[in-house]
Amino acid sequence: MPNYLSSSEAAARLGVSRQTLYAYVSRGLLHAEAGDSHRESRYLADDVERLAAQRTRGRKPKEVAKATLSWGLPVLESAITLIEDGQMYYRGVNAVTLAESDSVEAVAAHLWQCEARTAFGGPALPWPDGLAGLLAQHRGQRAESSLLPLFTAASDDDATALWQGAAARQAQGCGDLVRMLAACLLQAPPDTSPIHEQCARAWGLDAAGADLVRMALVLSADHELNASSFTARCIASTGASLRAGIVGGLAALTGGRHGGTTARVEALWDERDRGGDAGATLRERLARGEDLPGFGHHLYPGGDPRAIAMLGRIPPQRAAWQSFIDQAFGLVGQRPSLDFALVAVRRHLGLPVGAAFGLFALGRSIGWLAHGLEQRGSQNVIRPRAAYTGVRPEKPA
């Protein structure tokens, strides 16, 4: 059985205050799990010892570099998203507060630091010539497989190329890219309507369903330096177009450890529905050495606020879903993440399978563009060094 420490014990072992301990958690240096009560967290003793050892080693360059790549030390500066004390803020404003009523377009403009009418006030671009065949080929396919090839073919680099110096032109180009991505997801011609209304029209949703989609898109818009956003920043740092950053971000998002987790949550949900006894199904998965995708997040030991907000909009008639969540928490002590909540939204609204990934990608494209725009303020190419561990070359005799 794993050995756990209380907050007081962990803080004492590290020689820090409890406030500093919580700061370690918010920075991803330490993972907290729910304790016996909602007011108390617990920490794996092995994780605390590992962090204590890192502190003892001091800030040796090699060790510091190694610690930056997996929920570790910050690697670059950004003014876009702050994750702190279990909450997320878009440029200083709580994202959940924005998601209560702000439009997708308004949040995009907030992140891009422009006027919404500048980014989204122009006419919609038409489908490019020759796209009909590709649309027919991907008709009915899940977003995980169709979105990347459709967007790559439907979009172009010019409007967000590095040489596009006017801020207004860049903002309009960003708005056009998000609209085009929405069109590719919905497989409908690009439209000037608010993006959540486009989704509602394509998926046959009422006003409440449209508003839930709006919330999901806003809460998916950014999440600091996740794998896809870091990919988009690396691409932007080379001088490539912001559109190229979306292509790279989409590719990274498909991975099963990132946005592809939504497909794994769908599979878990199907398995639970077939088995009848959700608790038994979850125990069997854990006994096989499998995880519970969609539960737990390193940066939110008390629960992902994005998931809490979305799940709070799902009517109480879904009582069996809450039982599912409670059983998972009882087994692993972890709350639902964004991935689980997006799948819950998809199932509640009866959206096509794959729409959870599609909502994630469409919302996150706003953040990819924000990171690309911010990265253009630096003249440096993002180019970390590798710590070579292979065979050493022979030295000359």
Protein backbone atom coordinates (compact mmCIF):
# COMPACT_ATOMS: atom_id res chain seq x y z
CA MET A 1 0.00 0.00 0.00
CA PRO A 2 1.31 3.50 -0.81
CA ASN A 3 2.36 5.62 2.13
CA TYR A 4 0.79 9.08 2.42
CA LEU A 5 1.71 12.20 4.38
CA SER A 6 -0.67 14.86 5.63
CA SER A 7 -0.19 18.50 4.64
CA SER A 8 1.53 19.23 7.94
CA GLU A 9 3.82 16.21 7.61
CA ALA A 10 4.72 17.00 4.00
CA ALA A 11 5.46 20.64 4.81
CA ALA A 12 7.63 19.60 7.76
CA ARG A 13 9.59 17.10 5.62
CA LEU A 14 10.28 19.78 3.01
CA GLY A 15 11.02 22.43 5.62
CA VAL A 16 8.47 24.87 4.22
CA SER A 17 5.21 26.45 5.32
CA ARG A 18 1.87 25.00 4.30
CA GLN A 19 1.36 28.02 2.04
CA THR A 20 4.58 27.19 0.20
CA LEU A 21 3.49 23.55 0.02
CA TYR A 22 0.28 24.60 -1.73
CA ALA A 23 2.32 26.79 -4.08
CA TYR A 24 4.35 23.69 -5.02
CA VAL A 25 1.09 21.96 -5.91
CA SER A 26 -0.22 24.86 -8.00
CA ARG A 27 3.10 24.94 -9.91
CA GLY A 28 2.92 21.23 -10.58
CA LEU A 29 5.97 20.36 -8.48
CA LEU A 30 3.93 18.14 -6.17
CA HIS A 31 0.69 16.23 -6.63
CA ALA A 32 -1.98 16.37 -3.93
CA GLU A 33 -4.79 13.87 -3.52
CA ALA A 34 -8.03 14.25 -1.61
CA GLY A 35 -7.73 13.36 2.05
CA ASP A 36 -10.30 12.14 4.52
CA SER A 37 -12.15 15.46 4.27
CA HIS A 38 -12.54 18.09 1.55
CA ARG A 39 -10.46 20.49 3.65
CA GLU A 40 -7.40 18.25 3.84
CA SER A 41 -5.12 16.87 1.14
CA ARG A 42 -2.63 14.06 1.31
CA TYR A 43 0.66 13.51 -0.49
CA LEU A 44 2.49 10.39 -1.58
CA ALA A 45 5.51 10.02 0.66
CA ASP A 46 7.62 8.99 -2.33
CA ASP A 47 6.70 12.21 -4.17
CA VAL A 48 7.59 14.32 -1.14
CA GLU A 49 10.91 12.53 -0.76
CA ARG A 50 11.66 13.05 -4.44
CA LEU A 51 10.98 16.78 -4.16
CA ALA A 52 13.05 16.97 -0.99
CA ALA A 53 15.94 15.29 -2.83
CA GLN A 54 15.64 17.78 -5.69
CA ARG A 55 15.80 20.67 -3.24
CA THR A 56 18.85 19.13 -1.57
CA ARG A 57 20.67 18.73 -4.87
CA GLY A 58 20.32 22.46 -5.40
CA ARG A 59 19.90 24.18 -8.70
CA LYS A 60 22.45 22.26 -10.75
CA PRO A 61 21.82 23.18 -14.41
CA LYS A 62 21.40 19.58 -15.55
CA GLU A 63 18.95 18.72 -12.78
CA VAL A 64 16.97 21.94 -13.23
CA ALA A 65 16.67 21.32 -16.98
CA LYS A 66 15.43 17.79 -16.37
CA ALA A 67 12.81 19.07 -13.93
CA THR A 68 11.25 21.52 -16.40
CA LEU A 69 9.79 19.06 -18.90
CA SER A 70 7.17 17.21 -16.83
CA TRP A 71 4.95 19.42 -14.65
CA GLY A 72 8.15 21.07 -13.48
CA LEU A 73 9.70 24.50 -13.30
CA PRO A 74 8.43 27.26 -15.63
CA VAL A 75 10.35 27.31 -18.92
CA LEU A 76 9.22 30.63 -20.39
CA GLU A 77 7.24 33.71 -19.49
CA SER A 78 3.63 34.21 -20.52
CA ALA A 79 0.89 36.71 -19.67
CA ILE A 80 -1.95 34.60 -21.11
CA THR A 81 -3.13 32.10 -18.49
CA LEU A 82 -2.48 31.78 -14.77
CA ILE A 83 -3.24 28.56 -12.85
CA GLU A 84 -3.08 29.24 -9.14
CA ASP A 85 -4.80 28.03 -5.98
CA GLY A 86 -7.00 25.63 -7.90
CA GLN A 87 -8.34 28.29 -10.28
CA MET A 88 -7.59 29.37 -13.85
CA TYR A 89 -7.41 32.96 -15.07
CA TYR A 90 -7.35 34.33 -18.63
CA ARG A 91 -5.22 37.50 -18.51
CA GLY A 92 -6.15 38.07 -14.88
CA VAL A 93 -9.86 37.24 -15.14
CA ASN A 94 -11.27 34.01 -13.73
CA ALA A 95 -12.05 31.74 -16.70
CA VAL A 96 -15.11 30.24 -15.01
CA THR A 97 -16.51 33.75 -14.51
CA LEU A 98 -15.96 34.50 -18.21
CA ALA A 99 -17.61 31.21 -19.14
CA GLU A 100 -20.79 32.15 -17.31
CA SER A 101 -21.88 34.60 -20.01
CA ASP A 102 -19.10 35.81 -22.33
CA SER A 103 -19.16 34.81 -25.97
CA VAL A 104 -16.45 32.71 -27.56
CA GLU A 105 -15.54 35.68 -29.73
CA ALA A 106 -15.23 38.04 -26.74
CA VAL A 107 -12.96 35.62 -24.89
CA ALA A 108 -10.84 35.15 -28.01
CA ALA A 109 -10.45 38.91 -28.34
CA HIS A 110 -9.54 39.13 -24.65
CA LEU A 111 -6.79 36.54 -25.10
CA TRP A 112 -5.57 38.03 -28.38
CA GLN A 113 -5.70 41.60 -26.97
CA CYS A 114 -7.79 43.05 -29.74
CA GLU A 115 -11.38 44.12 -30.36
CA ALA A 116 -13.87 41.34 -31.11
CA ARG A 117 -15.24 43.30 -34.07
CA THR A 118 -11.72 43.53 -35.51
CA ALA A 119 -11.19 39.77 -35.34
CA PHE A 120 -14.70 38.62 -36.21
CA GLY A 121 -16.37 41.57 -37.92
CA GLY A 122 -15.48 40.69 -41.49
CA PRO A 123 -17.28 38.40 -43.95
CA ALA A 124 -16.80 34.66 -43.73
CA LEU A 125 -14.26 33.17 -46.11
CA PRO A 126 -15.69 30.65 -48.59
CA TRP A 127 -14.64 27.04 -48.81
CA PRO A 128 -11.55 26.86 -51.04
CA ASP A 129 -11.91 25.33 -54.48
CA GLY A 130 -11.38 21.59 -54.62
CA LEU A 131 -12.41 20.87 -51.02
CA ALA A 132 -15.69 19.13 -51.88
CA GLY A 133 -14.05 15.77 -52.49
CA LEU A 134 -12.18 15.84 -49.20
CA LEU A 135 -15.36 16.85 -47.35
CA ALA A 136 -17.20 13.92 -48.89
CA GLN A 137 -14.36 11.57 -47.95
CA HIS A 138 -14.53 12.61 -44.29
CA ARG A 139 -18.29 12.94 -44.02
CA GLY A 140 -19.50 11.22 -40.87
CA GLN A 141 -16.01 10.53 -39.51
CA ARG A 142 -15.07 11.35 -35.94
CA ALA A 143 -13.41 14.70 -35.37
CA GLU A 144 -10.25 12.99 -34.12
CA SER A 145 -9.53 11.77 -37.65
CA SER A 146 -11.26 14.38 -39.86
CA LEU A 147 -10.45 17.75 -38.30
CA LEU A 148 -6.71 17.89 -39.00
CA PRO A 149 -6.82 16.99 -42.72
CA LEU A 150 -9.87 19.17 -43.39
CA PHE A 151 -8.44 22.24 -41.68
CA THR A 152 -5.03 21.79 -43.29
CA ALA A 153 -6.64 21.75 -46.73
CA ALA A 154 -9.19 24.51 -46.04
CA SER A 155 -6.87 27.12 -44.52
CA ASP A 156 -3.86 29.07 -45.79
CA ASP A 157 -0.90 30.89 -44.29
CA ASP A 158 -1.14 34.37 -45.79
CA ALA A 159 -3.41 36.14 -43.29
CA THR A 160 -1.26 35.16 -40.31
CA ALA A 161 2.16 35.02 -41.95
CA LEU A 162 5.05 36.69 -40.15
CA TRP A 163 5.21 39.38 -42.78
CA GLN A 164 1.61 40.39 -42.05
CA GLY A 165 2.65 43.36 -39.93
CA ALA A 166 -0.66 45.16 -39.31
CA ALA A 167 -2.18 44.11 -35.97
CA ALA A 168 -5.72 44.43 -37.34
CA ARG A 169 -4.92 42.13 -40.27
CA GLN A 170 -3.42 39.54 -37.93
CA ALA A 171 -6.47 39.70 -35.64
CA GLN A 172 -8.84 39.25 -38.58
CA GLY A 173 -6.70 36.36 -39.79
CA CYS A 174 -6.97 34.70 -36.39
CA GLY A 175 -10.75 35.12 -36.39
CA ASP A 176 -10.98 33.64 -39.88
CA LEU A 177 -8.92 30.62 -38.81
CA VAL A 178 -11.20 29.87 -35.85
CA ARG A 179 -14.26 30.23 -38.08
CA MET A 180 -12.71 27.89 -40.65
CA LEU A 181 -11.91 25.33 -37.96
CA ALA A 182 -15.54 25.51 -36.79
CA ALA A 183 -16.68 24.95 -40.36
CA CYS A 184 -14.41 21.90 -40.65
CA LEU A 185 -15.72 20.48 -37.38
CA LEU A 186 -19.36 20.99 -38.38
CA GLN A 187 -18.68 20.24 -42.07
CA ALA A 188 -20.79 23.27 -42.97
CA PRO A 189 -19.78 26.39 -44.91
CA PRO A 190 -17.95 29.08 -42.89
CA ASP A 191 -20.40 31.44 -41.19
CA THR A 192 -20.36 34.82 -39.45
CA SER A 193 -22.81 33.75 -36.71
CA PRO A 194 -21.46 33.38 -33.17
CA ILE A 195 -19.55 30.14 -33.09
CA HIS A 196 -21.67 28.48 -30.40
CA GLU A 197 -24.79 29.29 -32.45
CA GLN A 198 -23.21 27.66 -35.50
CA CYS A 199 -22.65 24.54 -33.42
CA ALA A 200 -26.22 24.63 -32.09
CA ARG A 201 -27.66 24.95 -35.59
CA ALA A 202 -25.55 22.10 -36.99
CA TRP A 203 -26.31 19.82 -34.03
CA GLY A 204 -29.97 20.76 -33.54
CA LEU A 205 -29.62 22.20 -30.02
CA ASP A 206 -31.98 24.43 -28.08
CA ALA A 207 -30.90 27.62 -26.32
CA ALA A 208 -29.73 25.79 -23.19
CA GLY A 209 -27.67 23.36 -25.26
CA ALA A 210 -26.14 26.20 -27.25
CA ASP A 211 -25.15 27.95 -24.03
CA LEU A 212 -23.52 24.79 -22.67
CA VAL A 213 -21.49 24.50 -25.88
CA ARG A 214 -20.45 28.15 -25.48
CA MET A 215 -19.27 27.45 -21.94
CA ALA A 216 -17.34 24.36 -23.03
CA LEU A 217 -15.54 26.29 -25.77
CA VAL A 218 -14.61 29.15 -23.44
CA LEU A 219 -13.27 26.81 -20.75
CA SER A 220 -11.24 24.91 -23.35
CA ALA A 221 -9.66 28.05 -24.80
CA ASP A 222 -6.30 27.84 -23.04
CA HIS A 223 -4.46 26.01 -20.30
CA GLU A 224 -0.99 27.48 -20.05
CA LEU A 225 1.86 25.41 -21.58
CA ASN A 226 0.12 22.13 -22.29
CA ALA A 227 1.69 19.96 -24.98
CA SER A 228 -0.32 21.37 -27.91
CA SER A 229 0.13 25.01 -26.87
CA PHE A 230 3.86 24.50 -26.38
CA THR A 231 3.94 22.93 -29.85
CA ALA A 232 2.18 25.98 -31.29
CA ARG A 233 4.67 28.29 -29.54
CA CYS A 234 7.64 26.33 -30.88
CA ILE A 235 6.21 26.58 -34.38
CA ALA A 236 5.59 30.33 -34.03
CA SER A 237 9.13 30.84 -32.73
CA THR A 238 10.51 29.64 -36.07
CA GLY A 239 8.71 32.44 -37.93
CA ALA A 240 6.01 30.17 -39.34
CA SER A 241 2.43 31.37 -39.71
CA LEU A 242 -0.05 31.22 -36.85
CA ARG A 243 -2.11 28.89 -39.02
CA ALA A 244 0.83 26.45 -38.95
CA GLY A 245 0.63 26.58 -35.15
CA ILE A 246 -2.99 25.40 -35.29
CA VAL A 247 -2.01 22.53 -37.58
CA GLY A 248 0.74 21.52 -35.15
CA GLY A 249 -1.55 21.99 -32.16
CA LEU A 250 -4.20 19.76 -33.72
CA ALA A 251 -1.62 17.06 -34.34
CA ALA A 252 -0.43 17.19 -30.73
CA LEU A 253 -3.99 17.24 -29.40
CA THR A 254 -4.86 13.90 -31.03
CA GLY A 255 -2.52 12.03 -28.67
CA GLY A 256 -4.15 9.78 -26.09
CA ARG A 257 -2.35 11.61 -23.28
CA HIS A 258 -3.80 14.95 -24.36
CA GLY A 259 -7.05 15.71 -26.22
CA GLY A 260 -7.29 12.09 -27.32
CA THR A 261 -8.13 11.32 -23.70
CA THR A 262 -11.73 12.16 -24.62
CA ALA A 263 -11.85 9.02 -26.78
CA ARG A 264 -10.51 6.99 -23.86
CA VAL A 265 -13.19 8.48 -21.60
CA GLU A 266 -15.82 7.51 -24.18
CA ALA A 267 -14.49 3.94 -24.11
CA LEU A 268 -14.56 3.87 -20.31
CA TRP A 269 -18.13 5.16 -20.32
CA ASP A 270 -19.19 2.50 -22.87
CA GLU A 271 -17.53 -0.18 -20.75
CA ARG A 272 -19.36 1.05 -17.70
CA ASP A 273 -22.72 1.05 -19.55
CA ARG A 274 -22.21 -2.51 -20.81
CA GLY A 275 -21.16 -3.83 -17.42
CA GLY A 276 -24.17 -2.56 -15.50
CA ASP A 277 -22.26 -2.32 -12.21
CA ALA A 278 -20.11 0.78 -12.57
CA GLY A 279 -18.15 0.09 -9.38
CA ALA A 280 -17.22 -3.41 -10.50
CA THR A 281 -16.20 -2.14 -13.93
CA LEU A 282 -13.91 0.47 -12.43
CA ARG A 283 -12.36 -2.01 -9.99
CA GLU A 284 -11.67 -4.47 -12.81
CA ARG A 285 -9.89 -1.78 -14.81
CA LEU A 286 -7.72 -0.86 -11.86
CA ALA A 287 -7.00 -4.52 -11.13
CA ARG A 288 -5.75 -4.91 -14.72
CA GLY A 289 -3.33 -2.05 -14.13
CA GLU A 290 -5.31 0.42 -16.24
CA ASP A 291 -6.10 3.96 -15.17
CA LEU A 292 -9.40 5.83 -15.11
CA PRO A 293 -9.07 8.35 -17.95
CA GLY A 294 -10.75 11.66 -17.30
CA PHE A 295 -10.17 11.65 -13.55
CA GLY A 296 -7.55 13.73 -11.75
CA HIS A 297 -5.34 16.61 -12.80
CA HIS A 298 -1.91 17.49 -11.44
CA LEU A 299 -2.71 21.19 -11.24
CA TYR A 300 -6.11 20.80 -9.56
CA PRO A 301 -5.83 18.51 -6.54
CA GLY A 302 -9.18 19.77 -5.25
CA GLY A 303 -10.98 19.27 -8.57
CA ASP A 304 -10.77 20.82 -12.04
CA PRO A 305 -12.82 24.06 -11.96
CA ARG A 306 -13.57 23.71 -15.68
CA ALA A 307 -15.17 20.33 -15.13
CA ILE A 308 -17.01 21.51 -12.03
CA ALA A 309 -18.56 24.39 -13.99
CA MET A 310 -19.65 22.26 -16.96
CA LEU A 311 -20.96 19.35 -14.92
CA GLY A 312 -22.88 21.86 -12.81
CA ARG A 313 -24.91 22.75 -15.93
CA ILE A 314 -26.02 19.15 -16.50
CA PRO A 315 -29.48 18.53 -14.99
CA PRO A 316 -29.88 16.39 -11.85
CA GLN A 317 -31.77 13.80 -13.92
CA ARG A 318 -28.34 12.39 -14.73
CA ALA A 319 -28.07 10.98 -11.23
CA ALA A 320 -26.38 7.81 -12.49
CA TRP A 321 -23.55 9.96 -13.84
CA GLN A 322 -22.96 11.46 -10.42
CA SER A 323 -22.87 7.95 -8.98
CA PHE A 324 -20.24 7.07 -11.60
CA ILE A 325 -18.16 10.09 -10.51
CA ASP A 326 -18.58 9.27 -6.82
CA GLN A 327 -17.52 5.65 -7.32
CA ALA A 328 -14.39 6.70 -9.19
CA PHE A 329 -13.54 9.20 -6.46
CA GLY A 330 -14.04 6.55 -3.81
CA LEU A 331 -11.55 4.28 -5.59
CA VAL A 332 -8.80 6.69 -6.66
CA GLY A 333 -9.56 9.91 -4.77
CA GLN A 334 -9.66 11.99 -7.95
CA ARG A 335 -12.31 14.28 -9.43
CA PRO A 336 -13.33 14.63 -13.10
CA SER A 337 -11.09 16.59 -15.45
CA LEU A 338 -11.95 18.69 -18.50
CA ASP A 339 -11.84 15.57 -20.69
CA PHE A 340 -14.54 13.80 -18.67
CA ALA A 341 -16.71 16.92 -18.59
CA LEU A 342 -16.51 17.37 -22.38
CA VAL A 343 -17.64 13.77 -22.88
CA ALA A 344 -20.46 14.33 -20.39
CA VAL A 345 -21.54 17.42 -22.37
CA ARG A 346 -21.45 15.44 -25.62
CA ARG A 347 -23.57 12.64 -24.19
CA HIS A 348 -26.00 14.95 -22.46
CA LEU A 349 -26.65 16.94 -25.64
CA GLY A 350 -26.63 13.91 -27.94
CA LEU A 351 -23.79 15.28 -30.09
CA PRO A 352 -21.97 13.07 -32.61
CA VAL A 353 -19.30 10.77 -31.20
CA GLY A 354 -16.02 12.65 -31.43
CA ALA A 355 -17.64 16.03 -30.71
CA ALA A 356 -15.96 16.14 -27.28
CA PHE A 357 -12.59 16.19 -29.03
CA GLY A 358 -13.96 18.65 -31.57
CA LEU A 359 -15.09 21.10 -28.88
CA PHE A 360 -11.70 20.76 -27.19
CA ALA A 361 -9.86 21.48 -30.43
CA LEU A 362 -12.09 24.37 -31.51
CA GLY A 363 -11.86 26.05 -28.14
CA ARG A 364 -8.13 25.43 -27.73
CA SER A 365 -7.36 26.89 -31.16
CA ILE A 366 -8.02 30.28 -29.55
CA GLY A 367 -5.22 29.63 -27.07
CA TRP A 368 -2.86 28.32 -29.74
CA LEU A 369 -3.28 31.61 -31.58
CA ALA A 370 -2.78 33.61 -28.38
CA HIS A 371 0.47 31.76 -27.70
CA GLY A 372 1.61 32.28 -31.28
CA LEU A 373 0.91 36.00 -31.09
CA GLU A 374 2.72 36.28 -27.76
CA GLN A 375 5.69 34.27 -29.01
CA ARG A 376 6.13 36.70 -31.88
CA GLY A 377 7.18 39.26 -29.29
CA SER A 378 10.39 37.29 -28.80
CA GLN A 379 13.17 36.99 -31.34
CA ASN A 380 14.36 33.68 -29.92
CA VAL A 381 13.72 30.25 -31.40
CA ILE A 382 12.56 27.80 -28.72
CA ARG A 383 15.40 25.32 -28.84
CA PRO A 384 16.12 23.30 -25.66
CA ARG A 385 19.21 21.10 -25.42
CA ALA A 386 19.18 17.34 -24.93
CA ALA A 387 21.09 15.49 -22.20
CA TYR A 388 22.79 12.79 -24.29
CA THR A 389 22.52 9.29 -22.79
CA GLY A 390 23.67 7.19 -25.73
CA VAL A 391 26.97 5.51 -26.56
CA ARG A 392 29.92 7.85 -26.26
CA PRO A 393 32.18 8.19 -29.30
CA GLU A 394 35.60 6.68 -29.02
CA LYS A 395 38.34 9.13 -28.20
CA PRO A 396 41.31 9.29 -30.58
CA ALA A 397 44.25 7.16 -29.44
